[in-house]
Amino acid sequence: MELRKVIFALILSFGLNGAFPVQAKMTVYHQKSSALKKGAMRYVNNRKVKYVHVPKKYHHVDDEANQHQIIDSQGKQVTFTTRYLLPVPGKNNQHWGNPQSIAMNKHKYMYIVYCPTNLKNKGRIVRFNVKGLDSMGIRLHPEQLQRVYSKNHGQYSDLQKQIQKYIKVGPIFVTGHGQSLAYN
């Protein structure tokens, strides 16, 4: 293994006509077993998982102050707060469909793959400038983002036009089901 590292360092140091020496530090990791074993299954220890039955009826939120929060009903205490409510309908009254996956870079953008149910194996990526949206206070009023493409009396408000500047809608492309999206 060490011989590989030495040969790699030599190749790098002479790779640019010997103009300057280059040092490379690398780590090699050997996986102890395969991720997928042919003919064998790996089991998940799910003894602590509790199944929660789907209610027969859903109810509207009574407390509007907490309408963007989901609080646990049993088990470990957790609270999730909605950061954004995604636009419905999409730009130009398009049916963007079901958001399949999300990728965010740490600085500015959130990318979402939408797959409309009426298009087979096709979808689009919509980029949201979260830094711009947050600077407008959209996190405090996520319903403003949700209604960004809903016209009032056939027109968009100045606020909606301002929010729309932070959204870039990509073209339709063949995407399959779109279950995963990587930023890189």
N, C-alpha and C. Protein backbone atom coordinates (compact mmCIF):
# COMPACT_ATOMS: atom_id res chain seq x y z
N MET A 1 0.83 -1.19 0.00
CA MET A 1 0.00 0.00 0.00
C MET A 1 0.86 1.25 0.00
N GLU A 2 1.93 1.25 0.80
CA GLU A 2 2.81 2.40 0.86
C GLU A 2 3.50 2.63 -0.48
N LEU A 3 3.79 1.56 -1.22
CA LEU A 3 4.43 1.68 -2.52
C LEU A 3 3.52 2.47 -3.47
N ARG A 4 2.22 2.25 -3.40
CA ARG A 4 1.28 3.01 -4.23
C ARG A 4 1.38 4.50 -3.96
N LYS A 5 1.46 4.86 -2.68
CA LYS A 5 1.55 6.27 -2.31
C LYS A 5 2.82 6.90 -2.85
N VAL A 6 3.93 6.16 -2.76
CA VAL A 6 5.22 6.67 -3.25
C VAL A 6 5.17 6.86 -4.76
N ILE A 7 4.64 5.88 -5.47
CA ILE A 7 4.55 5.97 -6.93
C ILE A 7 3.64 7.13 -7.32
N PHE A 8 2.53 7.28 -6.63
CA PHE A 8 1.61 8.38 -6.92
C PHE A 8 2.29 9.73 -6.70
N ALA A 9 3.05 9.87 -5.61
CA ALA A 9 3.76 11.12 -5.32
C ALA A 9 4.81 11.40 -6.38
N LEU A 10 5.50 10.35 -6.85
CA LEU A 10 6.51 10.52 -7.91
C LEU A 10 5.87 10.97 -9.22
N ILE A 11 4.75 10.36 -9.54
CA ILE A 11 4.05 10.74 -10.78
C ILE A 11 3.63 12.20 -10.71
N LEU A 12 3.11 12.61 -9.57
CA LEU A 12 2.70 13.99 -9.41
C LEU A 12 3.88 14.95 -9.49
N SER A 13 5.02 14.56 -8.89
CA SER A 13 6.16 15.48 -8.86
C SER A 13 6.80 15.64 -10.23
N PHE A 14 6.73 14.62 -11.08
CA PHE A 14 7.30 14.73 -12.42
C PHE A 14 6.25 15.02 -13.48
N GLY A 15 5.00 15.07 -13.07
CA GLY A 15 3.90 15.24 -14.02
C GLY A 15 3.93 16.54 -14.78
N LEU A 16 4.43 17.57 -14.23
CA LEU A 16 4.45 18.87 -14.91
C LEU A 16 5.86 19.18 -15.40
N ASN A 17 6.47 18.23 -16.13
CA ASN A 17 7.83 18.36 -16.68
C ASN A 17 8.84 18.68 -15.60
N GLY A 18 8.61 18.24 -14.40
CA GLY A 18 9.57 18.46 -13.32
C GLY A 18 9.71 19.92 -12.94
N ALA A 19 8.71 20.77 -13.26
CA ALA A 19 8.82 22.20 -13.00
C ALA A 19 8.91 22.49 -11.50
N PHE A 20 8.16 21.79 -10.70
CA PHE A 20 8.25 21.97 -9.25
C PHE A 20 7.74 20.69 -8.60
N PRO A 21 8.30 20.35 -7.45
CA PRO A 21 7.86 19.12 -6.77
C PRO A 21 6.48 19.30 -6.15
N VAL A 22 5.73 18.25 -6.17
CA VAL A 22 4.39 18.26 -5.59
C VAL A 22 4.32 17.13 -4.57
N GLN A 23 3.72 17.40 -3.43
CA GLN A 23 3.53 16.37 -2.43
C GLN A 23 2.05 16.09 -2.29
N ALA A 24 1.72 14.84 -2.21
CA ALA A 24 0.32 14.45 -2.08
C ALA A 24 0.15 13.63 -0.82
N LYS A 25 -0.85 13.96 -0.06
CA LYS A 25 -1.18 13.18 1.13
C LYS A 25 -2.55 12.57 0.88
N MET A 26 -2.63 11.26 0.97
CA MET A 26 -3.91 10.62 0.71
C MET A 26 -4.14 9.50 1.71
N THR A 27 -5.38 9.22 1.93
CA THR A 27 -5.77 8.15 2.83
C THR A 27 -6.57 7.14 2.04
N VAL A 28 -6.23 5.89 2.21
CA VAL A 28 -6.95 4.81 1.53
C VAL A 28 -7.76 4.08 2.58
N TYR A 29 -9.04 3.88 2.30
CA TYR A 29 -9.91 3.16 3.20
C TYR A 29 -10.40 1.90 2.49
N HIS A 30 -10.24 0.78 3.13
CA HIS A 30 -10.73 -0.48 2.57
C HIS A 30 -11.99 -0.89 3.32
N GLN A 31 -13.08 -0.97 2.58
CA GLN A 31 -14.35 -1.34 3.18
C GLN A 31 -14.28 -2.80 3.60
N LYS A 32 -14.74 -3.09 4.80
CA LYS A 32 -14.64 -4.43 5.36
C LYS A 32 -15.64 -5.41 4.74
N SER A 33 -16.77 -4.88 4.25
CA SER A 33 -17.76 -5.74 3.62
C SER A 33 -18.47 -4.94 2.55
N SER A 34 -19.15 -5.65 1.69
CA SER A 34 -19.84 -4.95 0.60
C SER A 34 -21.11 -4.29 1.13
N ALA A 35 -21.52 -3.23 0.44
CA ALA A 35 -22.75 -2.54 0.82
C ALA A 35 -23.96 -3.42 0.55
N LEU A 36 -23.93 -4.13 -0.56
CA LEU A 36 -24.99 -5.06 -0.91
C LEU A 36 -24.39 -6.46 -1.01
N LYS A 37 -24.89 -7.37 -0.24
CA LYS A 37 -24.39 -8.73 -0.31
C LYS A 37 -25.32 -9.58 -1.15
N LYS A 38 -24.75 -10.26 -2.10
CA LYS A 38 -25.55 -11.14 -2.94
C LYS A 38 -25.96 -12.37 -2.13
N GLY A 39 -27.25 -12.62 -2.09
CA GLY A 39 -27.74 -13.80 -1.41
C GLY A 39 -27.92 -13.65 0.10
N ALA A 40 -27.60 -12.50 0.65
CA ALA A 40 -27.76 -12.31 2.08
C ALA A 40 -28.41 -10.95 2.33
N MET A 41 -29.09 -10.84 3.43
CA MET A 41 -29.74 -9.57 3.76
C MET A 41 -29.21 -9.06 5.08
N ARG A 42 -29.15 -7.75 5.19
CA ARG A 42 -28.81 -7.14 6.47
C ARG A 42 -30.10 -6.66 7.10
N TYR A 43 -30.20 -6.83 8.39
CA TYR A 43 -31.43 -6.47 9.08
C TYR A 43 -31.22 -5.21 9.91
N VAL A 44 -32.25 -4.40 9.97
CA VAL A 44 -32.24 -3.19 10.77
C VAL A 44 -32.88 -3.52 12.11
N ASN A 45 -32.26 -3.06 13.17
CA ASN A 45 -32.82 -3.26 14.50
C ASN A 45 -33.87 -2.18 14.72
N ASN A 46 -35.12 -2.53 14.53
CA ASN A 46 -36.19 -1.53 14.65
C ASN A 46 -37.14 -1.84 15.80
N ARG A 47 -36.59 -2.41 16.88
CA ARG A 47 -37.44 -2.73 18.03
C ARG A 47 -38.06 -1.49 18.66
N LYS A 48 -37.37 -0.35 18.57
CA LYS A 48 -37.86 0.87 19.21
C LYS A 48 -38.77 1.69 18.31
N VAL A 49 -38.96 1.25 17.08
CA VAL A 49 -39.82 1.98 16.15
C VAL A 49 -41.27 1.66 16.47
N LYS A 50 -42.08 2.71 16.60
CA LYS A 50 -43.50 2.51 16.89
C LYS A 50 -44.31 3.00 15.68
N TYR A 51 -45.22 2.19 15.26
CA TYR A 51 -46.07 2.55 14.12
C TYR A 51 -47.18 3.47 14.59
N VAL A 52 -47.36 4.57 13.88
CA VAL A 52 -48.44 5.50 14.20
C VAL A 52 -49.48 5.41 13.11
N HIS A 53 -50.69 5.09 13.47
CA HIS A 53 -51.75 4.93 12.50
C HIS A 53 -52.16 6.28 11.91
N VAL A 54 -52.48 6.27 10.64
CA VAL A 54 -52.93 7.48 9.94
C VAL A 54 -54.35 7.80 10.42
N PRO A 55 -54.60 9.05 10.79
CA PRO A 55 -55.96 9.39 11.24
C PRO A 55 -56.96 9.29 10.10
N LYS A 56 -58.22 9.00 10.44
CA LYS A 56 -59.25 8.92 9.41
C LYS A 56 -59.61 10.29 8.87
N LYS A 57 -59.45 11.33 9.70
CA LYS A 57 -59.74 12.70 9.29
C LYS A 57 -58.61 13.60 9.74
N TYR A 58 -58.27 14.56 8.90
CA TYR A 58 -57.31 15.58 9.29
C TYR A 58 -58.08 16.84 9.64
N HIS A 59 -57.54 17.63 10.52
CA HIS A 59 -58.20 18.84 10.98
C HIS A 59 -57.33 20.05 10.68
N HIS A 60 -57.96 21.19 10.49
CA HIS A 60 -57.22 22.43 10.31
C HIS A 60 -56.62 22.85 11.64
N VAL A 61 -55.56 23.58 11.56
CA VAL A 61 -54.88 24.05 12.76
C VAL A 61 -55.73 25.12 13.44
N ASP A 62 -55.96 24.93 14.73
CA ASP A 62 -56.76 25.90 15.49
C ASP A 62 -55.92 27.10 15.90
N ASP A 63 -54.71 26.85 16.34
CA ASP A 63 -53.84 27.91 16.84
C ASP A 63 -52.99 28.44 15.69
N GLU A 64 -53.39 29.55 15.10
CA GLU A 64 -52.69 30.08 13.93
C GLU A 64 -51.28 30.54 14.26
N ALA A 65 -51.00 30.84 15.52
CA ALA A 65 -49.65 31.26 15.90
C ALA A 65 -48.66 30.11 15.72
N ASN A 66 -49.13 28.87 15.85
CA ASN A 66 -48.25 27.70 15.74
C ASN A 66 -48.59 26.85 14.52
N GLN A 67 -49.17 27.43 13.49
CA GLN A 67 -49.60 26.63 12.35
C GLN A 67 -48.44 26.07 11.53
N HIS A 68 -47.22 26.57 11.75
CA HIS A 68 -46.07 26.09 10.99
C HIS A 68 -45.16 25.22 11.85
N GLN A 69 -45.73 24.63 12.90
CA GLN A 69 -44.95 23.76 13.77
C GLN A 69 -45.58 22.38 13.85
N ILE A 70 -44.71 21.40 13.92
CA ILE A 70 -45.15 20.02 14.17
C ILE A 70 -44.49 19.60 15.46
N ILE A 71 -45.30 19.19 16.43
CA ILE A 71 -44.80 18.81 17.74
C ILE A 71 -45.12 17.34 17.96
N ASP A 72 -44.16 16.64 18.58
CA ASP A 72 -44.33 15.21 18.80
C ASP A 72 -45.55 14.92 19.65
N SER A 73 -46.09 13.73 19.49
CA SER A 73 -47.22 13.33 20.32
C SER A 73 -46.82 12.25 21.31
N GLN A 74 -45.69 11.59 21.05
CA GLN A 74 -45.18 10.59 21.97
C GLN A 74 -43.71 10.36 21.68
N GLY A 75 -43.02 9.68 22.58
CA GLY A 75 -41.60 9.41 22.38
C GLY A 75 -40.75 10.61 22.71
N LYS A 76 -39.58 10.67 22.11
CA LYS A 76 -38.64 11.76 22.36
C LYS A 76 -39.24 13.08 21.89
N GLN A 77 -39.07 14.13 22.69
CA GLN A 77 -39.66 15.42 22.36
C GLN A 77 -38.90 16.10 21.24
N VAL A 78 -39.61 16.44 20.18
CA VAL A 78 -39.04 17.18 19.06
C VAL A 78 -40.09 18.16 18.55
N THR A 79 -39.62 19.24 17.97
CA THR A 79 -40.49 20.21 17.34
C THR A 79 -39.88 20.62 16.02
N PHE A 80 -40.63 20.54 14.95
CA PHE A 80 -40.18 20.97 13.63
C PHE A 80 -40.96 22.23 13.27
N THR A 81 -40.25 23.22 12.77
CA THR A 81 -40.88 24.45 12.34
C THR A 81 -40.68 24.62 10.84
N THR A 82 -41.74 24.93 10.13
CA THR A 82 -41.68 25.11 8.69
C THR A 82 -40.83 26.32 8.36
N ARG A 83 -39.85 26.13 7.49
CA ARG A 83 -39.04 27.26 7.06
C ARG A 83 -39.71 27.96 5.89
N TYR A 84 -40.21 27.18 4.95
CA TYR A 84 -40.90 27.73 3.78
C TYR A 84 -42.10 26.85 3.44
N LEU A 85 -43.12 27.45 2.87
CA LEU A 85 -44.20 26.72 2.24
C LEU A 85 -43.97 26.88 0.74
N LEU A 86 -43.79 25.79 0.04
CA LEU A 86 -43.43 25.85 -1.37
C LEU A 86 -44.58 26.37 -2.23
N PRO A 87 -44.25 27.06 -3.33
CA PRO A 87 -45.28 27.67 -4.17
C PRO A 87 -46.28 26.68 -4.76
N VAL A 88 -47.55 27.06 -4.67
CA VAL A 88 -48.65 26.34 -5.31
C VAL A 88 -49.61 27.39 -5.83
N PRO A 89 -49.91 27.50 -7.09
CA PRO A 89 -49.33 26.76 -8.21
C PRO A 89 -47.93 27.28 -8.51
N GLY A 90 -47.29 26.66 -9.51
CA GLY A 90 -45.97 27.11 -9.92
C GLY A 90 -46.06 28.30 -10.86
N LYS A 91 -44.91 28.72 -11.36
CA LYS A 91 -44.83 29.86 -12.27
C LYS A 91 -45.73 29.63 -13.49
N ASN A 92 -46.38 30.68 -13.95
CA ASN A 92 -47.31 30.62 -15.08
C ASN A 92 -48.41 29.61 -14.87
N ASN A 93 -48.83 29.44 -13.62
CA ASN A 93 -49.90 28.52 -13.24
C ASN A 93 -49.57 27.06 -13.56
N GLN A 94 -48.28 26.74 -13.66
CA GLN A 94 -47.86 25.37 -13.96
C GLN A 94 -48.10 24.48 -12.74
N HIS A 95 -48.37 23.23 -13.02
CA HIS A 95 -48.47 22.24 -11.95
C HIS A 95 -47.08 21.64 -11.78
N TRP A 96 -46.31 22.18 -10.84
CA TRP A 96 -44.95 21.68 -10.64
C TRP A 96 -44.96 20.26 -10.12
N GLY A 97 -45.97 19.92 -9.39
CA GLY A 97 -46.09 18.54 -8.93
C GLY A 97 -45.45 18.30 -7.58
N ASN A 98 -45.11 17.07 -7.39
CA ASN A 98 -44.65 16.56 -6.12
C ASN A 98 -43.15 16.84 -5.92
N PRO A 99 -42.76 17.61 -4.90
CA PRO A 99 -41.33 17.79 -4.64
C PRO A 99 -40.72 16.45 -4.23
N GLN A 100 -39.73 16.00 -4.99
CA GLN A 100 -39.14 14.69 -4.75
C GLN A 100 -37.90 14.73 -3.87
N SER A 101 -37.08 15.76 -4.03
CA SER A 101 -35.86 15.82 -3.24
C SER A 101 -35.36 17.25 -3.16
N ILE A 102 -34.43 17.46 -2.26
CA ILE A 102 -33.90 18.80 -2.02
C ILE A 102 -32.40 18.70 -1.80
N ALA A 103 -31.70 19.71 -2.27
CA ALA A 103 -30.27 19.85 -1.99
C ALA A 103 -30.04 21.32 -1.66
N MET A 104 -29.22 21.56 -0.66
CA MET A 104 -28.92 22.94 -0.28
C MET A 104 -27.42 23.11 -0.18
N ASN A 105 -26.92 24.23 -0.70
CA ASN A 105 -25.53 24.53 -0.38
C ASN A 105 -25.55 25.40 0.86
N LYS A 106 -24.44 25.50 1.53
CA LYS A 106 -24.47 26.16 2.84
C LYS A 106 -24.52 27.67 2.77
N HIS A 107 -24.42 28.23 1.59
CA HIS A 107 -24.34 29.68 1.51
C HIS A 107 -25.61 30.36 1.01
N LYS A 108 -26.22 29.84 -0.08
CA LYS A 108 -27.22 30.67 -0.73
C LYS A 108 -28.41 29.95 -1.33
N TYR A 109 -28.25 28.76 -1.88
CA TYR A 109 -29.30 28.19 -2.71
C TYR A 109 -29.90 26.91 -2.16
N MET A 110 -31.20 26.72 -2.48
CA MET A 110 -31.92 25.48 -2.22
C MET A 110 -32.46 25.02 -3.57
N TYR A 111 -32.19 23.78 -3.93
CA TYR A 111 -32.64 23.21 -5.20
C TYR A 111 -33.66 22.12 -4.90
N ILE A 112 -34.79 22.16 -5.60
CA ILE A 112 -35.83 21.15 -5.39
C ILE A 112 -36.19 20.53 -6.73
N VAL A 113 -36.25 19.18 -6.76
CA VAL A 113 -36.70 18.46 -7.94
C VAL A 113 -38.20 18.27 -7.81
N TYR A 114 -38.93 18.77 -8.79
CA TYR A 114 -40.38 18.59 -8.85
C TYR A 114 -40.70 17.63 -9.98
N CYS A 115 -41.58 16.68 -9.73
CA CYS A 115 -42.02 15.75 -10.75
C CYS A 115 -43.54 15.80 -10.86
N PRO A 116 -44.07 16.53 -11.86
CA PRO A 116 -45.52 16.60 -12.02
C PRO A 116 -46.11 15.20 -12.26
N THR A 117 -47.22 14.94 -11.62
CA THR A 117 -47.82 13.61 -11.75
C THR A 117 -48.39 13.36 -13.14
N ASN A 118 -48.67 14.42 -13.90
CA ASN A 118 -49.25 14.23 -15.24
C ASN A 118 -48.17 13.98 -16.30
N LEU A 119 -46.90 14.13 -15.95
CA LEU A 119 -45.81 13.86 -16.89
C LEU A 119 -45.06 12.61 -16.43
N LYS A 120 -44.89 11.67 -17.32
CA LYS A 120 -44.22 10.42 -16.95
C LYS A 120 -42.71 10.58 -17.05
N ASN A 121 -42.02 10.35 -15.93
CA ASN A 121 -40.55 10.40 -15.86
C ASN A 121 -39.96 11.73 -16.30
N LYS A 122 -40.67 12.80 -16.05
CA LYS A 122 -40.16 14.13 -16.38
C LYS A 122 -40.33 15.02 -15.18
N GLY A 123 -39.46 16.00 -15.10
CA GLY A 123 -39.54 16.93 -13.98
C GLY A 123 -38.71 18.16 -14.25
N ARG A 124 -38.54 18.96 -13.23
CA ARG A 124 -37.76 20.19 -13.35
C ARG A 124 -37.09 20.46 -12.01
N ILE A 125 -36.06 21.28 -12.06
CA ILE A 125 -35.40 21.72 -10.84
C ILE A 125 -35.71 23.20 -10.67
N VAL A 126 -36.10 23.57 -9.47
CA VAL A 126 -36.37 24.97 -9.14
C VAL A 126 -35.35 25.39 -8.09
N ARG A 127 -34.69 26.51 -8.37
CA ARG A 127 -33.67 27.03 -7.45
C ARG A 127 -34.24 28.21 -6.67
N PHE A 128 -34.11 28.14 -5.36
CA PHE A 128 -34.56 29.20 -4.47
C PHE A 128 -33.34 29.85 -3.84
N ASN A 129 -33.26 31.16 -3.92
CA ASN A 129 -32.19 31.91 -3.27
C ASN A 129 -32.62 32.15 -1.83
N VAL A 130 -32.20 31.27 -0.93
CA VAL A 130 -32.67 31.34 0.46
C VAL A 130 -32.11 32.55 1.19
N LYS A 131 -30.93 32.98 0.81
CA LYS A 131 -30.36 34.17 1.44
C LYS A 131 -31.24 35.39 1.14
N GLY A 132 -31.66 35.51 -0.11
CA GLY A 132 -32.54 36.62 -0.50
C GLY A 132 -33.90 36.51 0.14
N LEU A 133 -34.47 35.30 0.15
CA LEU A 133 -35.79 35.10 0.76
C LEU A 133 -35.75 35.40 2.25
N ASP A 134 -34.68 34.94 2.92
CA ASP A 134 -34.57 35.20 4.36
C ASP A 134 -34.39 36.69 4.64
N SER A 135 -33.68 37.40 3.76
CA SER A 135 -33.50 38.84 3.96
C SER A 135 -34.82 39.59 3.85
N MET A 136 -35.79 39.00 3.14
CA MET A 136 -37.12 39.60 3.02
C MET A 136 -38.04 39.21 4.18
N GLY A 137 -37.59 38.29 5.03
CA GLY A 137 -38.42 37.87 6.16
C GLY A 137 -39.42 36.77 5.81
N ILE A 138 -39.16 36.04 4.73
CA ILE A 138 -40.09 34.98 4.31
C ILE A 138 -40.19 33.87 5.35
N ARG A 139 -39.14 33.64 6.12
CA ARG A 139 -39.20 32.61 7.16
C ARG A 139 -40.28 32.93 8.19
N LEU A 140 -40.52 34.20 8.41
CA LEU A 140 -41.55 34.60 9.39
C LEU A 140 -42.96 34.51 8.80
N HIS A 141 -43.04 34.55 7.46
CA HIS A 141 -44.33 34.50 6.76
C HIS A 141 -44.23 33.54 5.57
N PRO A 142 -44.10 32.23 5.84
CA PRO A 142 -43.88 31.27 4.76
C PRO A 142 -45.02 31.20 3.75
N GLU A 143 -46.22 31.63 4.14
CA GLU A 143 -47.35 31.59 3.20
C GLU A 143 -47.16 32.59 2.06
N GLN A 144 -46.30 33.61 2.24
CA GLN A 144 -46.03 34.55 1.15
C GLN A 144 -45.31 33.85 0.00
N LEU A 145 -44.42 32.93 0.33
CA LEU A 145 -43.75 32.15 -0.71
C LEU A 145 -44.73 31.18 -1.36
N GLN A 146 -45.62 30.61 -0.58
CA GLN A 146 -46.59 29.66 -1.10
C GLN A 146 -47.50 30.31 -2.14
N ARG A 147 -47.85 31.58 -1.95
CA ARG A 147 -48.77 32.27 -2.86
C ARG A 147 -48.05 33.17 -3.86
N VAL A 148 -46.74 32.99 -4.04
CA VAL A 148 -45.95 33.90 -4.87
C VAL A 148 -46.42 33.94 -6.33
N TYR A 149 -47.01 32.86 -6.83
CA TYR A 149 -47.48 32.83 -8.22
C TYR A 149 -49.00 32.85 -8.34
N SER A 150 -49.70 33.22 -7.26
CA SER A 150 -51.16 33.37 -7.29
C SER A 150 -51.50 34.83 -7.53
N LYS A 151 -52.06 35.12 -8.70
CA LYS A 151 -52.38 36.50 -9.05
C LYS A 151 -53.63 36.96 -8.30
N ASN A 152 -53.64 38.24 -7.97
CA ASN A 152 -54.80 38.86 -7.35
C ASN A 152 -55.34 39.89 -8.34
N HIS A 153 -56.57 39.69 -8.81
CA HIS A 153 -57.18 40.54 -9.84
C HIS A 153 -56.32 40.56 -11.11
N GLY A 154 -55.76 39.38 -11.46
CA GLY A 154 -54.99 39.25 -12.69
C GLY A 154 -53.59 39.83 -12.65
N GLN A 155 -53.11 40.25 -11.47
CA GLN A 155 -51.78 40.85 -11.38
C GLN A 155 -51.02 40.33 -10.16
N TYR A 156 -49.69 40.41 -10.25
CA TYR A 156 -48.85 40.11 -9.10
C TYR A 156 -48.63 41.40 -8.30
N SER A 157 -48.56 41.27 -7.01
CA SER A 157 -48.26 42.44 -6.16
C SER A 157 -46.76 42.74 -6.25
N ASP A 158 -46.37 43.90 -5.78
CA ASP A 158 -44.96 44.27 -5.77
C ASP A 158 -44.15 43.29 -4.93
N LEU A 159 -44.72 42.83 -3.80
CA LEU A 159 -44.04 41.87 -2.95
C LEU A 159 -43.83 40.55 -3.69
N GLN A 160 -44.87 40.08 -4.40
CA GLN A 160 -44.74 38.84 -5.16
C GLN A 160 -43.65 38.96 -6.23
N LYS A 161 -43.60 40.08 -6.92
CA LYS A 161 -42.57 40.29 -7.94
C LYS A 161 -41.17 40.28 -7.33
N GLN A 162 -41.06 40.84 -6.15
CA GLN A 162 -39.78 40.87 -5.45
C GLN A 162 -39.35 39.45 -5.05
N ILE A 163 -40.29 38.66 -4.54
CA ILE A 163 -40.01 37.27 -4.16
C ILE A 163 -39.64 36.45 -5.39
N GLN A 164 -40.34 36.66 -6.51
CA GLN A 164 -40.09 35.90 -7.73
C GLN A 164 -38.67 36.08 -8.25
N LYS A 165 -38.05 37.20 -7.94
CA LYS A 165 -36.66 37.43 -8.37
C LYS A 165 -35.70 36.44 -7.73
N TYR A 166 -36.09 35.86 -6.61
CA TYR A 166 -35.24 34.91 -5.90
C TYR A 166 -35.54 33.45 -6.26
N ILE A 167 -36.36 33.23 -7.29
CA ILE A 167 -36.72 31.87 -7.72
C ILE A 167 -36.38 31.71 -9.19
N LYS A 168 -35.65 30.66 -9.51
CA LYS A 168 -35.31 30.37 -10.90
C LYS A 168 -35.88 28.99 -11.24
N VAL A 169 -36.73 28.96 -12.26
CA VAL A 169 -37.42 27.73 -12.64
C VAL A 169 -36.70 27.12 -13.84
N GLY A 170 -36.26 25.88 -13.68
CA GLY A 170 -35.57 25.18 -14.76
C GLY A 170 -36.55 24.56 -15.73
N PRO A 171 -36.03 24.13 -16.89
CA PRO A 171 -36.89 23.50 -17.90
C PRO A 171 -37.26 22.06 -17.53
N ILE A 172 -38.26 21.55 -18.20
CA ILE A 172 -38.65 20.14 -18.04
C ILE A 172 -37.56 19.27 -18.67
N PHE A 173 -37.18 18.19 -17.98
CA PHE A 173 -36.21 17.24 -18.53
C PHE A 173 -36.57 15.84 -18.04
N VAL A 174 -35.98 14.83 -18.66
CA VAL A 174 -36.23 13.45 -18.26
C VAL A 174 -35.48 13.23 -16.95
N THR A 175 -36.24 12.92 -15.90
CA THR A 175 -35.62 12.81 -14.58
C THR A 175 -35.93 11.50 -13.88
N GLY A 176 -36.79 10.68 -14.42
CA GLY A 176 -37.18 9.49 -13.68
C GLY A 176 -38.04 9.91 -12.51
N HIS A 177 -37.85 9.24 -11.38
CA HIS A 177 -38.69 9.54 -10.23
C HIS A 177 -38.10 10.65 -9.37
N GLY A 178 -36.80 10.91 -9.50
CA GLY A 178 -36.19 12.04 -8.81
C GLY A 178 -36.07 11.91 -7.32
N GLN A 179 -35.80 10.72 -6.80
CA GLN A 179 -35.75 10.55 -5.36
C GLN A 179 -34.53 11.16 -4.70
N SER A 180 -33.45 11.38 -5.45
CA SER A 180 -32.28 11.97 -4.82
C SER A 180 -31.70 13.06 -5.70
N LEU A 181 -31.10 14.05 -5.07
CA LEU A 181 -30.49 15.16 -5.77
C LEU A 181 -29.25 15.54 -4.98
N ALA A 182 -28.13 15.66 -5.67
CA ALA A 182 -26.89 16.06 -5.02
C ALA A 182 -26.47 17.42 -5.53
N TYR A 183 -26.00 18.26 -4.63
CA TYR A 183 -25.58 19.60 -5.02
C TYR A 183 -24.41 19.55 -6.00
N ASN A 184 -23.49 18.62 -5.80
CA ASN A 184 -22.30 18.55 -6.65
C ASN A 184 -22.54 17.63 -7.83
